[in-house]
Amino acid sequence: MNAIKERNIGVCILLTLVTCGIYGIFWFISLTDDMRVASGDDRLSGGKAYLFTLITCGIYGYFWAYQMGKASNVAKAKYGLATTDNSILYIVFQVIGLGIINYCLLQNDLNEISNSSLKGA
């Protein structure tokens, strides 16, 4: 599973803050694309998700959060990891304006998947 890039969550948060959110856009798109690879769900697309979030003034972001929670659960099950459906939690964080926590949780799941696939290789 070399297609999933393992990222340091602290560095990603710092870069997002230092670049006034510009790195956060890249991170959002990368998370979505990496989750597509991990879960095998070809409907996920980082560019489309970002575009739809812009067009709908953020409303699509709630659907994205739910969708990513489901995809994360599928991906973790696929790699034999313990699963927890955090879809509703992701929506709650999105609603209260803490979407960056979703990024962190999703990146943690992707890092876990990446590590488990490397051990299995």
PDB file of N, CA and C in Angstrom:
ATOM      1  N   MET A   1       0.859  -1.197   0.000  1.00  0.00           N
ATOM      2  CA  MET A   1       0.000   0.000   0.000  1.00  0.00           C
ATOM      3  C   MET A   1       0.887   1.236   0.000  1.00  0.00           C
ATOM      4  N   ASN A   2       1.726   1.358  -0.982  1.00  0.00           N
ATOM      5  CA  ASN A   2       2.636   2.492  -1.078  1.00  0.00           C
ATOM      6  C   ASN A   2       1.937   3.771  -1.512  1.00  0.00           C
ATOM      7  N   ALA A   3       0.709   3.671  -2.023  1.00  0.00           N
ATOM      8  CA  ALA A   3       0.012   4.850  -2.518  1.00  0.00           C
ATOM      9  C   ALA A   3      -0.463   5.759  -1.390  1.00  0.00           C
ATOM     10  N   ILE A   4      -0.602   5.217  -0.189  1.00  0.00           N
ATOM     11  CA  ILE A   4      -1.042   6.029   0.944  1.00  0.00           C
ATOM     12  C   ILE A   4       0.189   6.630   1.607  1.00  0.00           C
ATOM     13  N   LYS A   5       0.222   7.951   1.660  1.00  0.00           N
ATOM     14  CA  LYS A   5       1.377   8.637   2.243  1.00  0.00           C
ATOM     15  C   LYS A   5       1.134   8.840   3.734  1.00  0.00           C
ATOM     16  N   GLU A   6       2.070   8.372   4.519  1.00  0.00           N
ATOM     17  CA  GLU A   6       1.986   8.578   5.962  1.00  0.00           C
ATOM     18  C   GLU A   6       2.440  10.000   6.262  1.00  0.00           C
ATOM     19  N   ARG A   7       1.627  10.720   7.030  1.00  0.00           N
ATOM     20  CA  ARG A   7       1.933  12.111   7.368  1.00  0.00           C
ATOM     21  C   ARG A   7       1.978  12.297   8.872  1.00  0.00           C
ATOM     22  N   ASN A   8       2.862  13.175   9.326  1.00  0.00           N
ATOM     23  CA  ASN A   8       2.934  13.538  10.731  1.00  0.00           C
ATOM     24  C   ASN A   8       1.810  14.526  11.012  1.00  0.00           C
ATOM     25  N   ILE A   9       0.909  14.162  11.906  1.00  0.00           N
ATOM     26  CA  ILE A   9      -0.284  14.971  12.166  1.00  0.00           C
ATOM     27  C   ILE A   9       0.087  16.341  12.739  1.00  0.00           C
ATOM     28  N   GLY A  10       1.054  16.382  13.650  1.00  0.00           N
ATOM     29  CA  GLY A  10       1.473  17.662  14.235  1.00  0.00           C
ATOM     30  C   GLY A  10       2.026  18.619  13.189  1.00  0.00           C
ATOM     31  N   VAL A  11       2.828  18.090  12.266  1.00  0.00           N
ATOM     32  CA  VAL A  11       3.384  18.917  11.191  1.00  0.00           C
ATOM     33  C   VAL A  11       2.272  19.424  10.289  1.00  0.00           C
ATOM     34  N   CYS A  12       1.293  18.571  10.000  1.00  0.00           N
ATOM     35  CA  CYS A  12       0.165  18.988   9.145  1.00  0.00           C
ATOM     36  C   CYS A  12      -0.634  20.115   9.792  1.00  0.00           C
ATOM     37  N   ILE A  13      -0.875  20.006  11.092  1.00  0.00           N
ATOM     38  CA  ILE A  13      -1.598  21.066  11.809  1.00  0.00           C
ATOM     39  C   ILE A  13      -0.789  22.359  11.769  1.00  0.00           C
ATOM     40  N   LEU A  14       0.496  22.261  12.055  1.00  0.00           N
ATOM     41  CA  LEU A  14       1.370  23.437  12.056  1.00  0.00           C
ATOM     42  C   LEU A  14       1.392  24.095  10.675  1.00  0.00           C
ATOM     43  N   LEU A  15       1.550  23.297   9.629  1.00  0.00           N
ATOM     44  CA  LEU A  15       1.575  23.859   8.273  1.00  0.00           C
ATOM     45  C   LEU A  15       0.239  24.508   7.915  1.00  0.00           C
ATOM     46  N   THR A  16      -0.856  23.906   8.370  1.00  0.00           N
ATOM     47  CA  THR A  16      -2.175  24.490   8.113  1.00  0.00           C
ATOM     48  C   THR A  16      -2.291  25.854   8.783  1.00  0.00           C
ATOM     49  N   LEU A  17      -1.810  25.967  10.016  1.00  0.00           N
ATOM     50  CA  LEU A  17      -1.877  27.242  10.736  1.00  0.00           C
ATOM     51  C   LEU A  17      -0.944  28.284  10.125  1.00  0.00           C
ATOM     52  N   VAL A  18       0.290  27.881   9.811  1.00  0.00           N
ATOM     53  CA  VAL A  18       1.294  28.807   9.285  1.00  0.00           C
ATOM     54  C   VAL A  18       0.894  29.331   7.899  1.00  0.00           C
ATOM     55  N   THR A  19       0.256  28.486   7.090  1.00  0.00           N
ATOM     56  CA  THR A  19      -0.125  28.907   5.740  1.00  0.00           C
ATOM     57  C   THR A  19      -1.549  29.471   5.690  1.00  0.00           C
ATOM     58  N   CYS A  20      -2.108  29.768   6.854  1.00  0.00           N
ATOM     59  CA  CYS A  20      -3.471  30.329   6.946  1.00  0.00           C
ATOM     60  C   CYS A  20      -4.500  29.449   6.238  1.00  0.00           C
ATOM     61  N   GLY A  21      -4.351  28.159   6.357  1.00  0.00           N
ATOM     62  CA  GLY A  21      -5.334  27.224   5.826  1.00  0.00           C
ATOM     63  C   GLY A  21      -5.057  26.658   4.449  1.00  0.00           C
ATOM     64  N   ILE A  22      -4.069  27.202   3.761  1.00  0.00           N
ATOM     65  CA  ILE A  22      -3.802  26.725   2.393  1.00  0.00           C
ATOM     66  C   ILE A  22      -3.331  25.269   2.410  1.00  0.00           C
ATOM     67  N   TYR A  23      -2.463  24.925   3.350  1.00  0.00           N
ATOM     68  CA  TYR A  23      -2.041  23.522   3.447  1.00  0.00           C
ATOM     69  C   TYR A  23      -3.232  22.638   3.827  1.00  0.00           C
ATOM     70  N   GLY A  24      -4.175  23.182   4.578  1.00  0.00           N
ATOM     71  CA  GLY A  24      -5.378  22.432   4.954  1.00  0.00           C
ATOM     72  C   GLY A  24      -6.182  21.991   3.741  1.00  0.00           C
ATOM     73  N   ILE A  25      -6.192  22.813   2.696  1.00  0.00           N
ATOM     74  CA  ILE A  25      -6.878  22.443   1.454  1.00  0.00           C
ATOM     75  C   ILE A  25      -6.181  21.243   0.823  1.00  0.00           C
ATOM     76  N   PHE A  26      -4.858  21.312   0.751  1.00  0.00           N
ATOM     77  CA  PHE A  26      -4.085  20.192   0.212  1.00  0.00           C
ATOM     78  C   PHE A  26      -4.311  18.941   1.046  1.00  0.00           C
ATOM     79  N   TRP A  27      -4.328  19.096   2.364  1.00  0.00           N
ATOM     80  CA  TRP A  27      -4.511  17.965   3.279  1.00  0.00           C
ATOM     81  C   TRP A  27      -5.883  17.337   3.085  1.00  0.00           C
ATOM     82  N   PHE A  28      -6.922  18.160   2.962  1.00  0.00           N
ATOM     83  CA  PHE A  28      -8.299  17.693   2.722  1.00  0.00           C
ATOM     84  C   PHE A  28      -8.353  16.834   1.454  1.00  0.00           C
ATOM     85  N   ILE A  29      -7.786  17.347   0.385  1.00  0.00           N
ATOM     86  CA  ILE A  29      -7.802  16.632  -0.900  1.00  0.00           C
ATOM     87  C   ILE A  29      -6.998  15.338  -0.802  1.00  0.00           C
ATOM     88  N   SER A  30      -5.838  15.406  -0.175  1.00  0.00           N
ATOM     89  CA  SER A  30      -4.986  14.220  -0.020  1.00  0.00           C
ATOM     90  C   SER A  30      -5.646  13.154   0.844  1.00  0.00           C
ATOM     91  N   LEU A  31      -6.284  13.585   1.939  1.00  0.00           N
ATOM     92  CA  LEU A  31      -6.981  12.631   2.807  1.00  0.00           C
ATOM     93  C   LEU A  31      -8.051  11.873   2.037  1.00  0.00           C
ATOM     94  N   THR A  32      -8.817  12.609   1.259  1.00  0.00           N
ATOM     95  CA  THR A  32      -9.905  11.998   0.504  1.00  0.00           C
ATOM     96  C   THR A  32      -9.362  11.028  -0.533  1.00  0.00           C
ATOM     97  N   ASP A  33      -8.329  11.438  -1.242  1.00  0.00           N
ATOM     98  CA  ASP A  33      -7.736  10.550  -2.259  1.00  0.00           C
ATOM     99  C   ASP A  33      -7.085   9.320  -1.627  1.00  0.00           C
ATOM    100  N   ASP A  34      -6.406   9.498  -0.506  1.00  0.00           N
ATOM    101  CA  ASP A  34      -5.797   8.359   0.182  1.00  0.00           C
ATOM    102  C   ASP A  34      -6.863   7.399   0.709  1.00  0.00           C
ATOM    103  N   MET A  35      -7.969   7.948   1.196  1.00  0.00           N
ATOM    104  CA  MET A  35      -9.054   7.097   1.699  1.00  0.00           C
ATOM    105  C   MET A  35      -9.702   6.324   0.550  1.00  0.00           C
ATOM    106  N   ARG A  36      -9.744   6.936  -0.629  1.00  0.00           N
ATOM    107  CA  ARG A  36     -10.255   6.226  -1.813  1.00  0.00           C
ATOM    108  C   ARG A  36      -9.408   4.980  -2.078  1.00  0.00           C
ATOM    109  N   VAL A  37      -8.091   5.150  -2.008  1.00  0.00           N
ATOM    110  CA  VAL A  37      -7.177   4.023  -2.236  1.00  0.00           C
ATOM    111  C   VAL A  37      -7.344   2.970  -1.141  1.00  0.00           C
ATOM    112  N   ALA A  38      -7.388   3.416   0.113  1.00  0.00           N
ATOM    113  CA  ALA A  38      -7.458   2.479   1.241  1.00  0.00           C
ATOM    114  C   ALA A  38      -8.765   1.701   1.276  1.00  0.00           C
ATOM    115  N   SER A  39      -9.865   2.378   0.996  1.00  0.00           N
ATOM    116  CA  SER A  39     -11.178   1.731   1.096  1.00  0.00           C
ATOM    117  C   SER A  39     -11.594   1.046  -0.201  1.00  0.00           C
ATOM    118  N   GLY A  40     -10.981   1.451  -1.311  1.00  0.00           N
ATOM    119  CA  GLY A  40     -11.370   0.898  -2.606  1.00  0.00           C
ATOM    120  C   GLY A  40     -12.647   1.521  -3.153  1.00  0.00           C
ATOM    121  N   ASP A  41     -13.078   2.628  -2.570  1.00  0.00           N
ATOM    122  CA  ASP A  41     -14.304   3.317  -3.002  1.00  0.00           C
ATOM    123  C   ASP A  41     -13.944   4.356  -4.062  1.00  0.00           C
ATOM    124  N   ASP A  42     -14.188   4.020  -5.316  1.00  0.00           N
ATOM    125  CA  ASP A  42     -13.827   4.913  -6.421  1.00  0.00           C
ATOM    126  C   ASP A  42     -14.708   6.149  -6.518  1.00  0.00           C
ATOM    127  N   ARG A  43     -15.757   6.223  -5.720  1.00  0.00           N
ATOM    128  CA  ARG A  43     -16.617   7.411  -5.740  1.00  0.00           C
ATOM    129  C   ARG A  43     -15.964   8.587  -5.020  1.00  0.00           C
ATOM    130  N   LEU A  44     -14.987   8.300  -4.171  1.00  0.00           N
ATOM    131  CA  LEU A  44     -14.312   9.369  -3.424  1.00  0.00           C
ATOM    132  C   LEU A  44     -13.295  10.066  -4.316  1.00  0.00           C
ATOM    133  N   SER A  45     -13.348  11.393  -4.317  1.00  0.00           N
ATOM    134  CA  SER A  45     -12.393  12.190  -5.071  1.00  0.00           C
ATOM    135  C   SER A  45     -12.133  13.483  -4.308  1.00  0.00           C
ATOM    136  N   GLY A  46     -10.876  13.721  -3.989  1.00  0.00           N
ATOM    137  CA  GLY A  46     -10.526  14.908  -3.218  1.00  0.00           C
ATOM    138  C   GLY A  46     -10.858  16.208  -3.921  1.00  0.00           C
ATOM    139  N   GLY A  47     -10.540  16.277  -5.207  1.00  0.00           N
ATOM    140  CA  GLY A  47     -10.817  17.494  -5.969  1.00  0.00           C
ATOM    141  C   GLY A  47     -12.306  17.791  -6.053  1.00  0.00           C
ATOM    142  N   LYS A  48     -13.092  16.763  -6.340  1.00  0.00           N
ATOM    143  CA  LYS A  48     -14.544  16.951  -6.420  1.00  0.00           C
ATOM    144  C   LYS A  48     -15.120  17.337  -5.066  1.00  0.00           C
ATOM    145  N   ALA A  49     -14.659  16.672  -4.018  1.00  0.00           N
ATOM    146  CA  ALA A  49     -15.172  16.970  -2.679  1.00  0.00           C
ATOM    147  C   ALA A  49     -14.883  18.425  -2.304  1.00  0.00           C
ATOM    148  N   TYR A  50     -13.684  18.884  -2.611  1.00  0.00           N
ATOM    149  CA  TYR A  50     -13.346  20.273  -2.297  1.00  0.00           C
ATOM    150  C   TYR A  50     -14.187  21.244  -3.125  1.00  0.00           C
ATOM    151  N   LEU A  51     -14.324  20.941  -4.413  1.00  0.00           N
ATOM    152  CA  LEU A  51     -15.129  21.799  -5.288  1.00  0.00           C
ATOM    153  C   LEU A  51     -16.577  21.861  -4.813  1.00  0.00           C
ATOM    154  N   PHE A  52     -17.158  20.710  -4.490  1.00  0.00           N
ATOM    155  CA  PHE A  52     -18.554  20.678  -4.027  1.00  0.00           C
ATOM    156  C   PHE A  52     -18.706  21.412  -2.692  1.00  0.00           C
ATOM    157  N   THR A  53     -17.690  21.326  -1.839  1.00  0.00           N
ATOM    158  CA  THR A  53     -17.744  22.042  -0.567  1.00  0.00           C
ATOM    159  C   THR A  53     -17.730  23.550  -0.811  1.00  0.00           C
ATOM    160  N   LEU A  54     -16.918  23.997  -1.767  1.00  0.00           N
ATOM    161  CA  LEU A  54     -16.895  25.421  -2.117  1.00  0.00           C
ATOM    162  C   LEU A  54     -18.222  25.876  -2.712  1.00  0.00           C
ATOM    163  N   ILE A  55     -18.727  25.109  -3.670  1.00  0.00           N
ATOM    164  CA  ILE A  55     -19.963  25.472  -4.368  1.00  0.00           C
ATOM    165  C   ILE A  55     -21.144  25.561  -3.408  1.00  0.00           C
ATOM    166  N   THR A  56     -21.201  24.649  -2.437  1.00  0.00           N
ATOM    167  CA  THR A  56     -22.336  24.610  -1.514  1.00  0.00           C
ATOM    168  C   THR A  56     -22.083  25.423  -0.244  1.00  0.00           C
ATOM    169  N   CYS A  57     -21.048  26.230  -0.247  1.00  0.00           N
ATOM    170  CA  CYS A  57     -20.695  27.072   0.907  1.00  0.00           C
ATOM    171  C   CYS A  57     -20.515  26.257   2.180  1.00  0.00           C
ATOM    172  N   GLY A  58     -19.911  25.094   2.037  1.00  0.00           N
ATOM    173  CA  GLY A  58     -19.582  24.274   3.194  1.00  0.00           C
ATOM    174  C   GLY A  58     -20.564  23.167   3.529  1.00  0.00           C
ATOM    175  N   ILE A  59     -21.742  23.198   2.950  1.00  0.00           N
ATOM    176  CA  ILE A  59     -22.760  22.195   3.290  1.00  0.00           C
ATOM    177  C   ILE A  59     -22.308  20.795   2.890  1.00  0.00           C
ATOM    178  N   TYR A  60     -21.652  20.665   1.744  1.00  0.00           N
ATOM    179  CA  TYR A  60     -21.179  19.355   1.311  1.00  0.00           C
ATOM    180  C   TYR A  60     -20.160  18.783   2.303  1.00  0.00           C
ATOM    181  N   GLY A  61     -19.511  19.636   3.044  1.00  0.00           N
ATOM    182  CA  GLY A  61     -18.530  19.200   4.036  1.00  0.00           C
ATOM    183  C   GLY A  61     -19.127  18.264   5.078  1.00  0.00           C
ATOM    184  N   TYR A  62     -20.408  18.443   5.408  1.00  0.00           N
ATOM    185  CA  TYR A  62     -21.067  17.550   6.362  1.00  0.00           C
ATOM    186  C   TYR A  62     -21.227  16.158   5.765  1.00  0.00           C
ATOM    187  N   PHE A  63     -21.621  16.109   4.507  1.00  0.00           N
ATOM    188  CA  PHE A  63     -21.742  14.821   3.823  1.00  0.00           C
ATOM    189  C   PHE A  63     -20.366  14.172   3.689  1.00  0.00           C
ATOM    190  N   TRP A  64     -19.361  14.989   3.361  1.00  0.00           N
ATOM    191  CA  TRP A  64     -17.990  14.483   3.240  1.00  0.00           C
ATOM    192  C   TRP A  64     -17.537  13.845   4.548  1.00  0.00           C
ATOM    193  N   ALA A  65     -17.800  14.514   5.664  1.00  0.00           N
ATOM    194  CA  ALA A  65     -17.380  13.995   6.970  1.00  0.00           C
ATOM    195  C   ALA A  65     -18.033  12.642   7.235  1.00  0.00           C
ATOM    196  N   TYR A  66     -19.314  12.530   6.958  1.00  0.00           N
ATOM    197  CA  TYR A  66     -20.025  11.271   7.156  1.00  0.00           C
ATOM    198  C   TYR A  66     -19.459  10.185   6.243  1.00  0.00           C
ATOM    199  N   GLN A  67     -19.278  10.534   4.992  1.00  0.00           N
ATOM    200  CA  GLN A  67     -18.766   9.599   3.988  1.00  0.00           C
ATOM    201  C   GLN A  67     -17.357   9.112   4.349  1.00  0.00           C
ATOM    202  N   MET A  68     -16.517   9.995   4.837  1.00  0.00           N
ATOM    203  CA  MET A  68     -15.159   9.615   5.206  1.00  0.00           C
ATOM    204  C   MET A  68     -15.154   8.706   6.440  1.00  0.00           C
ATOM    205  N   GLY A  69     -16.082   8.931   7.358  1.00  0.00           N
ATOM    206  CA  GLY A  69     -16.200   8.051   8.518  1.00  0.00           C
ATOM    207  C   GLY A  69     -16.547   6.631   8.097  1.00  0.00           C
ATOM    208  N   LYS A  70     -17.482   6.518   7.168  1.00  0.00           N
ATOM    209  CA  LYS A  70     -17.868   5.199   6.654  1.00  0.00           C
ATOM    210  C   LYS A  70     -16.706   4.552   5.896  1.00  0.00           C
ATOM    211  N   ALA A  71     -16.034   5.326   5.041  1.00  0.00           N
ATOM    212  CA  ALA A  71     -14.918   4.800   4.250  1.00  0.00           C
ATOM    213  C   ALA A  71     -13.769   4.358   5.146  1.00  0.00           C
ATOM    214  N   SER A  72     -13.512   5.099   6.210  1.00  0.00           N
ATOM    215  CA  SER A  72     -12.456   4.741   7.150  1.00  0.00           C
ATOM    216  C   SER A  72     -12.772   3.407   7.814  1.00  0.00           C
ATOM    217  N   ASN A  73     -14.024   3.224   8.186  1.00  0.00           N
ATOM    218  CA  ASN A  73     -14.455   1.974   8.810  1.00  0.00           C
ATOM    219  C   ASN A  73     -14.251   0.798   7.854  1.00  0.00           C
ATOM    220  N   VAL A  74     -14.617   0.978   6.585  1.00  0.00           N
ATOM    221  CA  VAL A  74     -14.448  -0.064   5.571  1.00  0.00           C
ATOM    222  C   VAL A  74     -12.965  -0.376   5.365  1.00  0.00           C
ATOM    223  N   ALA A  75     -12.154   0.671   5.276  1.00  0.00           N
ATOM    224  CA  ALA A  75     -10.720   0.493   5.033  1.00  0.00           C
ATOM    225  C   ALA A  75     -10.049  -0.249   6.186  1.00  0.00           C
ATOM    226  N   LYS A  76     -10.401   0.126   7.417  1.00  0.00           N
ATOM    227  CA  LYS A  76      -9.788  -0.539   8.565  1.00  0.00           C
ATOM    228  C   LYS A  76     -10.206  -2.008   8.623  1.00  0.00           C
ATOM    229  N   ALA A  77     -11.440  -2.307   8.308  1.00  0.00           N
ATOM    230  CA  ALA A  77     -11.900  -3.700   8.281  1.00  0.00           C
ATOM    231  C   ALA A  77     -11.167  -4.476   7.193  1.00  0.00           C
ATOM    232  N   LYS A  78     -10.953  -3.820   6.061  1.00  0.00           N
ATOM    233  CA  LYS A  78     -10.262  -4.445   4.932  1.00  0.00           C
ATOM    234  C   LYS A  78      -8.847  -4.887   5.298  1.00  0.00           C
ATOM    235  N   TYR A  79      -8.196  -4.131   6.180  1.00  0.00           N
ATOM    236  CA  TYR A  79      -6.821  -4.440   6.582  1.00  0.00           C
ATOM    237  C   TYR A  79      -6.739  -5.152   7.935  1.00  0.00           C
ATOM    238  N   GLY A  80      -7.888  -5.610   8.430  1.00  0.00           N
ATOM    239  CA  GLY A  80      -7.904  -6.394   9.658  1.00  0.00           C
ATOM    240  C   GLY A  80      -7.661  -5.601  10.926  1.00  0.00           C
ATOM    241  N   LEU A  81      -7.943  -4.319  10.892  1.00  0.00           N
ATOM    242  CA  LEU A  81      -7.764  -3.472  12.070  1.00  0.00           C
ATOM    243  C   LEU A  81      -9.095  -3.328  12.806  1.00  0.00           C
ATOM    244  N   ALA A  82      -9.028  -2.960  14.074  1.00  0.00           N
ATOM    245  CA  ALA A  82     -10.242  -2.745  14.861  1.00  0.00           C
ATOM    246  C   ALA A  82     -11.035  -1.587  14.257  1.00  0.00           C
ATOM    247  N   THR A  83     -12.330  -1.790  14.093  1.00  0.00           N
ATOM    248  CA  THR A  83     -13.162  -0.768  13.460  1.00  0.00           C
ATOM    249  C   THR A  83     -14.050  -0.065  14.471  1.00  0.00           C
ATOM    250  N   THR A  84     -14.266   1.197  14.221  1.00  0.00           N
ATOM    251  CA  THR A  84     -15.189   2.024  14.982  1.00  0.00           C
ATOM    252  C   THR A  84     -15.815   2.996  13.999  1.00  0.00           C
ATOM    253  N   ASP A  85     -17.138   3.010  13.932  1.00  0.00           N
ATOM    254  CA  ASP A  85     -17.813   3.912  13.000  1.00  0.00           C
ATOM    255  C   ASP A  85     -17.922   5.296  13.648  1.00  0.00           C
ATOM    256  N   ASN A  86     -17.071   6.206  13.213  1.00  0.00           N
ATOM    257  CA  ASN A  86     -17.043   7.568  13.755  1.00  0.00           C
ATOM    258  C   ASN A  86     -17.791   8.575  12.885  1.00  0.00           C
ATOM    259  N   SER A  87     -18.637   8.118  11.997  1.00  0.00           N
ATOM    260  CA  SER A  87     -19.310   9.013  11.049  1.00  0.00           C
ATOM    261  C   SER A  87     -20.070  10.142  11.733  1.00  0.00           C
ATOM    262  N   ILE A  88     -20.836   9.823  12.754  1.00  0.00           N
ATOM    263  CA  ILE A  88     -21.631  10.840  13.453  1.00  0.00           C
ATOM    264  C   ILE A  88     -20.712  11.796  14.210  1.00  0.00           C
ATOM    265  N   LEU A  89     -19.668  11.266  14.818  1.00  0.00           N
ATOM    266  CA  LEU A  89     -18.695  12.116  15.516  1.00  0.00           C
ATOM    267  C   LEU A  89     -18.066  13.124  14.556  1.00  0.00           C
ATOM    268  N   TYR A  90     -17.739  12.680  13.338  1.00  0.00           N
ATOM    269  CA  TYR A  90     -17.152  13.569  12.340  1.00  0.00           C
ATOM    270  C   TYR A  90     -18.124  14.680  11.957  1.00  0.00           C
ATOM    271  N   ILE A  91     -19.391  14.342  11.855  1.00  0.00           N
ATOM    272  CA  ILE A  91     -20.396  15.371  11.530  1.00  0.00           C
ATOM    273  C   ILE A  91     -20.471  16.389  12.672  1.00  0.00           C
ATOM    274  N   VAL A  92     -20.460  15.910  13.905  1.00  0.00           N
ATOM    275  CA  VAL A  92     -20.524  16.813  15.065  1.00  0.00           C
ATOM    276  C   VAL A  92     -19.339  17.773  15.049  1.00  0.00           C
ATOM    277  N   PHE A  93     -18.120  17.255  14.839  1.00  0.00           N
ATOM    278  CA  PHE A  93     -16.953  18.133  14.772  1.00  0.00           C
ATOM    279  C   PHE A  93     -17.099  19.145  13.638  1.00  0.00           C
ATOM    280  N   GLN A  94     -17.631  18.705  12.512  1.00  0.00           N
ATOM    281  CA  GLN A  94     -17.815  19.597  11.361  1.00  0.00           C
ATOM    282  C   GLN A  94     -18.811  20.709  11.707  1.00  0.00           C
ATOM    283  N   VAL A  95     -19.895  20.345  12.374  1.00  0.00           N
ATOM    284  CA  VAL A  95     -20.944  21.317  12.728  1.00  0.00           C
ATOM    285  C   VAL A  95     -20.416  22.374  13.696  1.00  0.00           C
ATOM    286  N   ILE A  96     -19.603  21.962  14.663  1.00  0.00           N
ATOM    287  CA  ILE A  96     -19.123  22.936  15.653  1.00  0.00           C
ATOM    288  C   ILE A  96     -17.849  23.651  15.210  1.00  0.00           C
ATOM    289  N   GLY A  97     -17.457  23.440  13.956  1.00  0.00           N
ATOM    290  CA  GLY A  97     -16.331  24.185  13.402  1.00  0.00           C
ATOM    291  C   GLY A  97     -14.965  23.610  13.707  1.00  0.00           C
ATOM    292  N   LEU A  98     -14.913  22.346  14.085  1.00  0.00           N
ATOM    293  CA  LEU A  98     -13.643  21.711  14.394  1.00  0.00           C
ATOM    294  C   LEU A  98     -13.312  20.623  13.377  1.00  0.00           C
ATOM    295  N   GLY A  99     -13.483  20.952  12.115  1.00  0.00           N
ATOM    296  CA  GLY A  99     -13.220  20.004  11.043  1.00  0.00           C
ATOM    297  C   GLY A  99     -11.782  19.529  11.009  1.00  0.00           C
ATOM    298  N   ILE A 100     -10.864  20.330  11.524  1.00  0.00           N
ATOM    299  CA  ILE A 100      -9.455  19.922  11.522  1.00  0.00           C
ATOM    300  C   ILE A 100      -9.240  18.694  12.408  1.00  0.00           C
ATOM    301  N   ILE A 101     -10.094  18.514  13.397  1.00  0.00           N
ATOM    302  CA  ILE A 101     -10.008  17.301  14.218  1.00  0.00           C
ATOM    303  C   ILE A 101     -10.350  16.084  13.365  1.00  0.00           C
ATOM    304  N   ASN A 102     -11.309  16.250  12.447  1.00  0.00           N
ATOM    305  CA  ASN A 102     -11.621  15.164  11.515  1.00  0.00           C
ATOM    306  C   ASN A 102     -10.396  14.804  10.687  1.00  0.00           C
ATOM    307  N   TYR A 103      -9.704  15.823  10.217  1.00  0.00           N
ATOM    308  CA  TYR A 103      -8.489  15.579   9.429  1.00  0.00           C
ATOM    309  C   TYR A 103      -7.495  14.754  10.242  1.00  0.00           C
ATOM    310  N   CYS A 104      -7.328  15.137  11.517  1.00  0.00           N
ATOM    311  CA  CYS A 104      -6.365  14.443  12.382  1.00  0.00           C
ATOM    312  C   CYS A 104      -6.771  12.993  12.607  1.00  0.00           C
ATOM    313  N   LEU A 105      -8.042  12.770  12.898  1.00  0.00           N
ATOM    314  CA  LEU A 105      -8.521  11.405  13.138  1.00  0.00           C
ATOM    315  C   LEU A 105      -8.406  10.548  11.879  1.00  0.00           C
ATOM    316  N   LEU A 106      -8.760  11.127  10.744  1.00  0.00           N
ATOM    317  CA  LEU A 106      -8.661  10.389   9.488  1.00  0.00           C
ATOM    318  C   LEU A 106      -7.207  10.106   9.133  1.00  0.00           C
ATOM    319  N   GLN A 107      -6.327  11.078   9.351  1.00  0.00           N
ATOM    320  CA  GLN A 107      -4.911  10.857   9.061  1.00  0.00           C
ATOM    321  C   GLN A 107      -4.350   9.777   9.971  1.00  0.00           C
ATOM    322  N   ASN A 108      -4.789   9.766  11.222  1.00  0.00           N
ATOM    323  CA  ASN A 108      -4.350   8.725  12.145  1.00  0.00           C
ATOM    324  C   ASN A 108      -4.784   7.343  11.629  1.00  0.00           C
ATOM    325  N   ASP A 109      -6.026   7.242  11.158  1.00  0.00           N
ATOM    326  CA  ASP A 109      -6.508   5.974  10.597  1.00  0.00           C
ATOM    327  C   ASP A 109      -5.690   5.574   9.374  1.00  0.00           C
ATOM    328  N   LEU A 110      -5.411   6.534   8.499  1.00  0.00           N
ATOM    329  CA  LEU A 110      -4.627   6.232   7.300  1.00  0.00           C
ATOM    330  C   LEU A 110      -3.194   5.826   7.650  1.00  0.00           C
ATOM    331  N   ASN A 111      -2.602   6.481   8.643  1.00  0.00           N
ATOM    332  CA  ASN A 111      -1.260   6.106   9.082  1.00  0.00           C
ATOM    333  C   ASN A 111      -1.266   4.681   9.635  1.00  0.00           C
ATOM    334  N   GLU A 112      -2.314   4.355  10.391  1.00  0.00           N
ATOM    335  CA  GLU A 112      -2.458   3.015  10.953  1.00  0.00           C
ATOM    336  C   GLU A 112      -2.587   1.974   9.827  1.00  0.00           C
ATOM    337  N   ILE A 113      -3.389   2.284   8.822  1.00  0.00           N
ATOM    338  CA  ILE A 113      -3.579   1.389   7.683  1.00  0.00           C
ATOM    339  C   ILE A 113      -2.256   1.224   6.930  1.00  0.00           C
ATOM    340  N   SER A 114      -1.566   2.328   6.714  1.00  0.00           N
ATOM    341  CA  SER A 114      -0.291   2.292   6.003  1.00  0.00           C
ATOM    342  C   SER A 114       0.722   1.430   6.748  1.00  0.00           C
ATOM    343  N   ASN A 115       0.791   1.582   8.057  1.00  0.00           N
ATOM    344  CA  ASN A 115       1.718   0.792   8.874  1.00  0.00           C
ATOM    345  C   ASN A 115       1.357  -0.689   8.848  1.00  0.00           C
ATOM    346  N   SER A 116       0.066  -0.995   8.905  1.00  0.00           N
ATOM    347  CA  SER A 116      -0.343  -2.408   8.908  1.00  0.00           C
ATOM    348  C   SER A 116      -0.080  -3.051   7.553  1.00  0.00           C
ATOM    349  N   SER A 117      -0.226  -2.278   6.476  1.00  0.00           N
ATOM    350  CA  SER A 117       0.030  -2.849   5.148  1.00  0.00           C
ATOM    351  C   SER A 117       1.523  -3.058   4.910  1.00  0.00           C
ATOM    352  N   LEU A 118       2.353  -2.218   5.529  1.00  0.00           N
ATOM    353  CA  LEU A 118       3.803  -2.395   5.406  1.00  0.00           C
ATOM    354  C   LEU A 118       4.278  -3.631   6.167  1.00  0.00           C
ATOM    355  N   LYS A 119       3.664  -3.880   7.324  1.00  0.00           N
ATOM    356  CA  LYS A 119       4.031  -5.057   8.115  1.00  0.00           C
ATOM    357  C   LYS A 119       3.603  -6.336   7.409  1.00  0.00           C
ATOM    358  N   GLY A 120       2.470  -6.236   6.692  1.00  0.00           N
ATOM    359  CA  GLY A 120       1.955  -7.414   5.989  1.00  0.00           C
ATOM    360  C   GLY A 120       2.699  -7.703   4.710  1.00  0.00           C
ATOM    361  N   ALA A 121       3.469  -6.733   4.199  1.00  0.00           N
ATOM    362  CA  ALA A 121       4.166  -6.903   2.925  1.00  0.00           C
ATOM    363  C   ALA A 121       5.449  -7.677   3.081  1.00  0.00           C
TER     364      ALA A 121
END
